[in-house]
Amino acid sequence: MDKVSGLRQLQTRYQITDDELMTFGDNENDLGMLTMTPWGFAMPNAYESIKKQSANIALADHNHDGVLTTIEHYLKEGVIG
């Protein structure tokens, strides 16, 4: 079982499509979930190789509420949701 498999199970159970899903990560074990959705966000402190393969970069790192800040920004802008 990996992160993508777990997310796929949740997507099936709750009928969530890939474009309705935001993922966040900073390491190689996160790459699968970062690339499964157009809303995959590498954290600013992620390895360069991860940032290059991710469609987006989060607005702040995990020490500065990066996930929450990014979600709020995209929802407020009306890009997602």
PDB file of N, CA and C in Angstrom:
ATOM      1  N   MET A   1       0.850  -1.173   0.000  1.00  0.00           N
ATOM      2  CA  MET A   1       0.000   0.000   0.000  1.00  0.00           C
ATOM      3  C   MET A   1       0.898   1.238   0.000  1.00  0.00           C
ATOM      4  N   ASP A   2       0.571   2.174  -0.847  1.00  0.00           N
ATOM      5  CA  ASP A   2       1.281   3.447  -0.858  1.00  0.00           C
ATOM      6  C   ASP A   2       0.250   4.584  -0.796  1.00  0.00           C
ATOM      7  N   LYS A   3       0.719   5.807  -0.843  1.00  0.00           N
ATOM      8  CA  LYS A   3      -0.175   6.956  -0.690  1.00  0.00           C
ATOM      9  C   LYS A   3      -1.193   7.042  -1.824  1.00  0.00           C
ATOM     10  N   VAL A   4      -0.765   6.750  -3.031  1.00  0.00           N
ATOM     11  CA  VAL A   4      -1.690   6.795  -4.164  1.00  0.00           C
ATOM     12  C   VAL A   4      -2.788   5.748  -3.987  1.00  0.00           C
ATOM     13  N   SER A   5      -2.429   4.555  -3.573  1.00  0.00           N
ATOM     14  CA  SER A   5      -3.425   3.489  -3.365  1.00  0.00           C
ATOM     15  C   SER A   5      -4.445   3.902  -2.312  1.00  0.00           C
ATOM     16  N   GLY A   6      -3.973   4.494  -1.240  1.00  0.00           N
ATOM     17  CA  GLY A   6      -4.883   4.966  -0.191  1.00  0.00           C
ATOM     18  C   GLY A   6      -5.808   6.057  -0.695  1.00  0.00           C
ATOM     19  N   LEU A   7      -5.255   6.998  -1.441  1.00  0.00           N
ATOM     20  CA  LEU A   7      -6.094   8.064  -2.004  1.00  0.00           C
ATOM     21  C   LEU A   7      -7.100   7.515  -2.997  1.00  0.00           C
ATOM     22  N   ARG A   8      -6.691   6.554  -3.811  1.00  0.00           N
ATOM     23  CA  ARG A   8      -7.614   5.952  -4.785  1.00  0.00           C
ATOM     24  C   ARG A   8      -8.786   5.273  -4.074  1.00  0.00           C
ATOM     25  N   GLN A   9      -8.513   4.617  -2.959  1.00  0.00           N
ATOM     26  CA  GLN A   9      -9.603   3.988  -2.198  1.00  0.00           C
ATOM     27  C   GLN A   9     -10.569   5.039  -1.682  1.00  0.00           C
ATOM     28  N   LEU A  10     -10.050   6.141  -1.168  1.00  0.00           N
ATOM     29  CA  LEU A  10     -10.917   7.219  -0.686  1.00  0.00           C
ATOM     30  C   LEU A  10     -11.694   7.866  -1.831  1.00  0.00           C
ATOM     31  N   GLN A  11     -11.024   8.037  -2.968  1.00  0.00           N
ATOM     32  CA  GLN A  11     -11.703   8.608  -4.126  1.00  0.00           C
ATOM     33  C   GLN A  11     -12.876   7.730  -4.567  1.00  0.00           C
ATOM     34  N   THR A  12     -12.660   6.441  -4.594  1.00  0.00           N
ATOM     35  CA  THR A  12     -13.731   5.523  -4.975  1.00  0.00           C
ATOM     36  C   THR A  12     -14.875   5.580  -3.970  1.00  0.00           C
ATOM     37  N   ARG A  13     -14.535   5.546  -2.721  1.00  0.00           N
ATOM     38  CA  ARG A  13     -15.570   5.539  -1.674  1.00  0.00           C
ATOM     39  C   ARG A  13     -16.400   6.813  -1.676  1.00  0.00           C
ATOM     40  N   TYR A  14     -15.760   7.956  -1.888  1.00  0.00           N
ATOM     41  CA  TYR A  14     -16.452   9.248  -1.804  1.00  0.00           C
ATOM     42  C   TYR A  14     -16.697   9.891  -3.167  1.00  0.00           C
ATOM     43  N   GLN A  15     -16.424   9.158  -4.240  1.00  0.00           N
ATOM     44  CA  GLN A  15     -16.655   9.616  -5.606  1.00  0.00           C
ATOM     45  C   GLN A  15     -15.972  10.966  -5.875  1.00  0.00           C
ATOM     46  N   ILE A  16     -14.669  11.000  -5.634  1.00  0.00           N
ATOM     47  CA  ILE A  16     -13.855  12.199  -5.835  1.00  0.00           C
ATOM     48  C   ILE A  16     -12.983  11.980  -7.071  1.00  0.00           C
ATOM     49  N   THR A  17     -13.022  12.912  -7.998  1.00  0.00           N
ATOM     50  CA  THR A  17     -12.195  12.806  -9.204  1.00  0.00           C
ATOM     51  C   THR A  17     -10.811  13.397  -8.938  1.00  0.00           C
ATOM     52  N   ASP A  18      -9.872  13.080  -9.817  1.00  0.00           N
ATOM     53  CA  ASP A  18      -8.502  13.573  -9.655  1.00  0.00           C
ATOM     54  C   ASP A  18      -8.438  15.101  -9.611  1.00  0.00           C
ATOM     55  N   ASP A  19      -9.261  15.764 -10.424  1.00  0.00           N
ATOM     56  CA  ASP A  19      -9.202  17.227 -10.456  1.00  0.00           C
ATOM     57  C   ASP A  19      -9.920  17.889  -9.280  1.00  0.00           C
ATOM     58  N   GLU A  20     -10.509  17.098  -8.401  1.00  0.00           N
ATOM     59  CA  GLU A  20     -11.118  17.615  -7.178  1.00  0.00           C
ATOM     60  C   GLU A  20     -10.219  17.410  -5.957  1.00  0.00           C
ATOM     61  N   LEU A  21      -9.028  16.934  -6.197  1.00  0.00           N
ATOM     62  CA  LEU A  21      -8.119  16.526  -5.137  1.00  0.00           C
ATOM     63  C   LEU A  21      -6.861  17.383  -5.130  1.00  0.00           C
ATOM     64  N   MET A  22      -6.481  17.889  -3.964  1.00  0.00           N
ATOM     65  CA  MET A  22      -5.214  18.598  -3.792  1.00  0.00           C
ATOM     66  C   MET A  22      -4.301  17.704  -2.969  1.00  0.00           C
ATOM     67  N   THR A  23      -3.052  17.580  -3.416  1.00  0.00           N
ATOM     68  CA  THR A  23      -2.076  16.794  -2.674  1.00  0.00           C
ATOM     69  C   THR A  23      -0.851  17.655  -2.393  1.00  0.00           C
ATOM     70  N   PHE A  24      -0.180  17.353  -1.306  1.00  0.00           N
ATOM     71  CA  PHE A  24       0.989  18.115  -0.867  1.00  0.00           C
ATOM     72  C   PHE A  24       2.074  17.148  -0.425  1.00  0.00           C
ATOM     73  N   GLY A  25       3.312  17.466  -0.764  1.00  0.00           N
ATOM     74  CA  GLY A  25       4.405  16.602  -0.347  1.00  0.00           C
ATOM     75  C   GLY A  25       5.757  17.245  -0.568  1.00  0.00           C
ATOM     76  N   ASP A  26       6.789  16.589  -0.031  1.00  0.00           N
ATOM     77  CA  ASP A  26       8.134  17.148  -0.128  1.00  0.00           C
ATOM     78  C   ASP A  26       9.217  16.118  -0.408  1.00  0.00           C
ATOM     79  N   ASN A  27       8.829  14.860  -0.542  1.00  0.00           N
ATOM     80  CA  ASN A  27       9.839  13.816  -0.657  1.00  0.00           C
ATOM     81  C   ASN A  27       9.498  12.858  -1.793  1.00  0.00           C
ATOM     82  N   GLU A  28      10.430  11.998  -2.132  1.00  0.00           N
ATOM     83  CA  GLU A  28      10.233  11.069  -3.238  1.00  0.00           C
ATOM     84  C   GLU A  28       9.041  10.142  -3.024  1.00  0.00           C
ATOM     85  N   ASN A  29       8.729   9.800  -1.789  1.00  0.00           N
ATOM     86  CA  ASN A  29       7.582   8.927  -1.541  1.00  0.00           C
ATOM     87  C   ASN A  29       6.255   9.652  -1.778  1.00  0.00           C
ATOM     88  N   ASP A  30       6.288  10.956  -2.015  1.00  0.00           N
ATOM     89  CA  ASP A  30       5.085  11.739  -2.289  1.00  0.00           C
ATOM     90  C   ASP A  30       4.857  11.957  -3.779  1.00  0.00           C
ATOM     91  N   LEU A  31       5.829  11.633  -4.613  1.00  0.00           N
ATOM     92  CA  LEU A  31       5.783  11.971  -6.026  1.00  0.00           C
ATOM     93  C   LEU A  31       4.558  11.391  -6.731  1.00  0.00           C
ATOM     94  N   GLY A  32       4.204  10.169  -6.429  1.00  0.00           N
ATOM     95  CA  GLY A  32       3.032   9.563  -7.069  1.00  0.00           C
ATOM     96  C   GLY A  32       1.771  10.353  -6.842  1.00  0.00           C
ATOM     97  N   MET A  33       1.543  10.770  -5.623  1.00  0.00           N
ATOM     98  CA  MET A  33       0.319  11.528  -5.347  1.00  0.00           C
ATOM     99  C   MET A  33       0.413  12.966  -5.859  1.00  0.00           C
ATOM    100  N   LEU A  34       1.627  13.507  -5.950  1.00  0.00           N
ATOM    101  CA  LEU A  34       1.781  14.862  -6.481  1.00  0.00           C
ATOM    102  C   LEU A  34       1.494  14.921  -7.975  1.00  0.00           C
ATOM    103  N   THR A  35       1.699  13.808  -8.664  1.00  0.00           N
ATOM    104  CA  THR A  35       1.497  13.794 -10.106  1.00  0.00           C
ATOM    105  C   THR A  35       0.162  13.179 -10.524  1.00  0.00           C
ATOM    106  N   MET A  36      -0.627  12.691  -9.583  1.00  0.00           N
ATOM    107  CA  MET A  36      -1.907  12.059  -9.920  1.00  0.00           C
ATOM    108  C   MET A  36      -3.018  13.069 -10.148  1.00  0.00           C
ATOM    109  N   THR A  37      -2.810  14.303  -9.756  1.00  0.00           N
ATOM    110  CA  THR A  37      -3.825  15.339  -9.855  1.00  0.00           C
ATOM    111  C   THR A  37      -3.193  16.613 -10.400  1.00  0.00           C
ATOM    112  N   PRO A  38      -3.958  17.438 -11.108  1.00  0.00           N
ATOM    113  CA  PRO A  38      -3.401  18.720 -11.536  1.00  0.00           C
ATOM    114  C   PRO A  38      -3.129  19.656 -10.359  1.00  0.00           C
ATOM    115  N   TRP A  39      -3.629  19.294  -9.207  1.00  0.00           N
ATOM    116  CA  TRP A  39      -3.475  20.112  -8.006  1.00  0.00           C
ATOM    117  C   TRP A  39      -2.506  19.467  -7.019  1.00  0.00           C
ATOM    118  N   GLY A  40      -1.389  18.982  -7.535  1.00  0.00           N
ATOM    119  CA  GLY A  40      -0.312  18.459  -6.702  1.00  0.00           C
ATOM    120  C   GLY A  40       0.657  19.591  -6.382  1.00  0.00           C
ATOM    121  N   PHE A  41       0.953  19.785  -5.114  1.00  0.00           N
ATOM    122  CA  PHE A  41       1.819  20.879  -4.673  1.00  0.00           C
ATOM    123  C   PHE A  41       3.032  20.347  -3.933  1.00  0.00           C
ATOM    124  N   ALA A  42       4.195  20.630  -4.479  1.00  0.00           N
ATOM    125  CA  ALA A  42       5.429  20.347  -3.743  1.00  0.00           C
ATOM    126  C   ALA A  42       5.605  21.467  -2.721  1.00  0.00           C
ATOM    127  N   MET A  43       6.100  21.116  -1.567  1.00  0.00           N
ATOM    128  CA  MET A  43       6.373  22.123  -0.555  1.00  0.00           C
ATOM    129  C   MET A  43       7.658  22.861  -0.941  1.00  0.00           C
ATOM    130  N   PRO A  44       7.784  24.133  -0.563  1.00  0.00           N
ATOM    131  CA  PRO A  44       8.986  24.895  -0.932  1.00  0.00           C
ATOM    132  C   PRO A  44      10.296  24.255  -0.469  1.00  0.00           C
ATOM    133  N   ASN A  45      10.247  23.481   0.605  1.00  0.00           N
ATOM    134  CA  ASN A  45      11.444  22.828   1.121  1.00  0.00           C
ATOM    135  C   ASN A  45      11.682  21.448   0.498  1.00  0.00           C
ATOM    136  N   ALA A  46      10.891  21.090  -0.518  1.00  0.00           N
ATOM    137  CA  ALA A  46      11.026  19.781  -1.163  1.00  0.00           C
ATOM    138  C   ALA A  46      12.336  19.703  -1.942  1.00  0.00           C
ATOM    139  N   TYR A  47      12.756  18.481  -2.201  1.00  0.00           N
ATOM    140  CA  TYR A  47      13.912  18.270  -3.060  1.00  0.00           C
ATOM    141  C   TYR A  47      13.639  18.935  -4.408  1.00  0.00           C
ATOM    142  N   GLU A  48      14.677  19.450  -5.038  1.00  0.00           N
ATOM    143  CA  GLU A  48      14.532  20.109  -6.331  1.00  0.00           C
ATOM    144  C   GLU A  48      13.909  19.176  -7.368  1.00  0.00           C
ATOM    145  N   SER A  49      14.291  17.910  -7.331  1.00  0.00           N
ATOM    146  CA  SER A  49      13.741  16.957  -8.299  1.00  0.00           C
ATOM    147  C   SER A  49      12.229  16.806  -8.129  1.00  0.00           C
ATOM    148  N   ILE A  50      11.746  16.895  -6.908  1.00  0.00           N
ATOM    149  CA  ILE A  50      10.304  16.798  -6.643  1.00  0.00           C
ATOM    150  C   ILE A  50       9.603  18.056  -7.137  1.00  0.00           C
ATOM    151  N   LYS A  51      10.186  19.212  -6.866  1.00  0.00           N
ATOM    152  CA  LYS A  51       9.581  20.470  -7.320  1.00  0.00           C
ATOM    153  C   LYS A  51       9.499  20.531  -8.847  1.00  0.00           C
ATOM    154  N   LYS A  52      10.502  20.014  -9.524  1.00  0.00           N
ATOM    155  CA  LYS A  52      10.507  20.032 -10.987  1.00  0.00           C
ATOM    156  C   LYS A  52       9.421  19.136 -11.577  1.00  0.00           C
ATOM    157  N   GLN A  53       9.079  18.063 -10.889  1.00  0.00           N
ATOM    158  CA  GLN A  53       8.089  17.116 -11.399  1.00  0.00           C
ATOM    159  C   GLN A  53       6.667  17.429 -10.950  1.00  0.00           C
ATOM    160  N   SER A  54       6.523  18.341 -10.019  1.00  0.00           N
ATOM    161  CA  SER A  54       5.211  18.710  -9.499  1.00  0.00           C
ATOM    162  C   SER A  54       4.642  19.874 -10.308  1.00  0.00           C
ATOM    163  N   ALA A  55       3.340  19.875 -10.495  1.00  0.00           N
ATOM    164  CA  ALA A  55       2.688  20.933 -11.277  1.00  0.00           C
ATOM    165  C   ALA A  55       2.702  22.281 -10.566  1.00  0.00           C
ATOM    166  N   ASN A  56       2.763  22.265  -9.239  1.00  0.00           N
ATOM    167  CA  ASN A  56       2.650  23.491  -8.453  1.00  0.00           C
ATOM    168  C   ASN A  56       3.585  23.450  -7.245  1.00  0.00           C
ATOM    169  N   ILE A  57       3.831  24.628  -6.696  1.00  0.00           N
ATOM    170  CA  ILE A  57       4.602  24.756  -5.455  1.00  0.00           C
ATOM    171  C   ILE A  57       3.700  25.422  -4.422  1.00  0.00           C
ATOM    172  N   ALA A  58       3.645  24.873  -3.222  1.00  0.00           N
ATOM    173  CA  ALA A  58       2.842  25.463  -2.148  1.00  0.00           C
ATOM    174  C   ALA A  58       3.353  26.871  -1.836  1.00  0.00           C
ATOM    175  N   LEU A  59       2.480  27.703  -1.304  1.00  0.00           N
ATOM    176  CA  LEU A  59       2.800  29.109  -1.055  1.00  0.00           C
ATOM    177  C   LEU A  59       3.710  29.334   0.148  1.00  0.00           C
ATOM    178  N   ALA A  60       3.826  28.352   1.021  1.00  0.00           N
ATOM    179  CA  ALA A  60       4.699  28.456   2.196  1.00  0.00           C
ATOM    180  C   ALA A  60       5.100  27.050   2.623  1.00  0.00           C
ATOM    181  N   ASP A  61       6.121  26.961   3.456  1.00  0.00           N
ATOM    182  CA  ASP A  61       6.546  25.641   3.932  1.00  0.00           C
ATOM    183  C   ASP A  61       5.671  25.185   5.098  1.00  0.00           C
ATOM    184  N   HIS A  62       5.909  23.970   5.564  1.00  0.00           N
ATOM    185  CA  HIS A  62       5.064  23.399   6.617  1.00  0.00           C
ATOM    186  C   HIS A  62       5.198  24.147   7.942  1.00  0.00           C
ATOM    187  N   ASN A  63       6.291  24.847   8.149  1.00  0.00           N
ATOM    188  CA  ASN A  63       6.458  25.630   9.383  1.00  0.00           C
ATOM    189  C   ASN A  63       5.645  26.920   9.364  1.00  0.00           C
ATOM    190  N   HIS A  64       5.135  27.268   8.201  1.00  0.00           N
ATOM    191  CA  HIS A  64       4.368  28.508   8.048  1.00  0.00           C
ATOM    192  C   HIS A  64       2.989  28.227   7.455  1.00  0.00           C
ATOM    193  N   ASP A  65       2.400  27.110   7.873  1.00  0.00           N
ATOM    194  CA  ASP A  65       1.038  26.738   7.453  1.00  0.00           C
ATOM    195  C   ASP A  65       0.885  26.664   5.935  1.00  0.00           C
ATOM    196  N   GLY A  66       1.876  26.120   5.274  1.00  0.00           N
ATOM    197  CA  GLY A  66       1.878  26.076   3.822  1.00  0.00           C
ATOM    198  C   GLY A  66       0.683  25.389   3.202  1.00  0.00           C
ATOM    199  N   VAL A  67       0.251  24.276   3.752  1.00  0.00           N
ATOM    200  CA  VAL A  67      -0.897  23.563   3.185  1.00  0.00           C
ATOM    201  C   VAL A  67      -2.159  24.406   3.336  1.00  0.00           C
ATOM    202  N   LEU A  68      -2.432  24.864   4.535  1.00  0.00           N
ATOM    203  CA  LEU A  68      -3.633  25.666   4.781  1.00  0.00           C
ATOM    204  C   LEU A  68      -3.614  26.965   3.979  1.00  0.00           C
ATOM    205  N   THR A  69      -2.476  27.642   3.957  1.00  0.00           N
ATOM    206  CA  THR A  69      -2.346  28.889   3.197  1.00  0.00           C
ATOM    207  C   THR A  69      -2.632  28.669   1.726  1.00  0.00           C
ATOM    208  N   THR A  70      -2.109  27.592   1.169  1.00  0.00           N
ATOM    209  CA  THR A  70      -2.312  27.296  -0.248  1.00  0.00           C
ATOM    210  C   THR A  70      -3.768  26.948  -0.531  1.00  0.00           C
ATOM    211  N   ILE A  71      -4.372  26.114   0.295  1.00  0.00           N
ATOM    212  CA  ILE A  71      -5.782  25.753   0.108  1.00  0.00           C
ATOM    213  C   ILE A  71      -6.652  27.001   0.173  1.00  0.00           C
ATOM    214  N   GLU A  72      -6.465  27.817   1.198  1.00  0.00           N
ATOM    215  CA  GLU A  72      -7.272  29.039   1.343  1.00  0.00           C
ATOM    216  C   GLU A  72      -7.111  29.957   0.135  1.00  0.00           C
ATOM    217  N   HIS A  73      -5.885  30.122  -0.332  1.00  0.00           N
ATOM    218  CA  HIS A  73      -5.622  30.985  -1.478  1.00  0.00           C
ATOM    219  C   HIS A  73      -6.382  30.509  -2.717  1.00  0.00           C
ATOM    220  N   TYR A  74      -6.265  29.234  -3.035  1.00  0.00           N
ATOM    221  CA  TYR A  74      -6.893  28.713  -4.237  1.00  0.00           C
ATOM    222  C   TYR A  74      -8.406  28.703  -4.141  1.00  0.00           C
ATOM    223  N   LEU A  75      -8.951  28.467  -2.960  1.00  0.00           N
ATOM    224  CA  LEU A  75     -10.399  28.534  -2.789  1.00  0.00           C
ATOM    225  C   LEU A  75     -10.890  29.977  -2.908  1.00  0.00           C
ATOM    226  N   LYS A  76     -10.171  30.911  -2.309  1.00  0.00           N
ATOM    227  CA  LYS A  76     -10.560  32.319  -2.367  1.00  0.00           C
ATOM    228  C   LYS A  76     -10.506  32.851  -3.792  1.00  0.00           C
ATOM    229  N   GLU A  77      -9.515  32.432  -4.550  1.00  0.00           N
ATOM    230  CA  GLU A  77      -9.362  32.873  -5.934  1.00  0.00           C
ATOM    231  C   GLU A  77     -10.407  32.221  -6.863  1.00  0.00           C
ATOM    232  N   GLY A  78     -11.097  31.227  -6.352  1.00  0.00           N
ATOM    233  CA  GLY A  78     -12.112  30.548  -7.163  1.00  0.00           C
ATOM    234  C   GLY A  78     -11.534  29.594  -8.195  1.00  0.00           C
ATOM    235  N   VAL A  79     -10.270  29.275  -8.056  1.00  0.00           N
ATOM    236  CA  VAL A  79      -9.624  28.359  -9.004  1.00  0.00           C
ATOM    237  C   VAL A  79     -10.076  26.930  -8.744  1.00  0.00           C
ATOM    238  N   ILE A  80     -10.263  26.619  -7.477  1.00  0.00           N
ATOM    239  CA  ILE A  80     -10.690  25.284  -7.057  1.00  0.00           C
ATOM    240  C   ILE A  80     -11.969  25.433  -6.252  1.00  0.00           C
ATOM    241  N   GLY A  81     -12.866  24.498  -6.423  1.00  0.00           N
ATOM    242  CA  GLY A  81     -14.065  24.471  -5.581  1.00  0.00           C
ATOM    243  C   GLY A  81     -15.245  25.040  -6.173  1.00  0.00           C
TER     244      GLY A  81
END
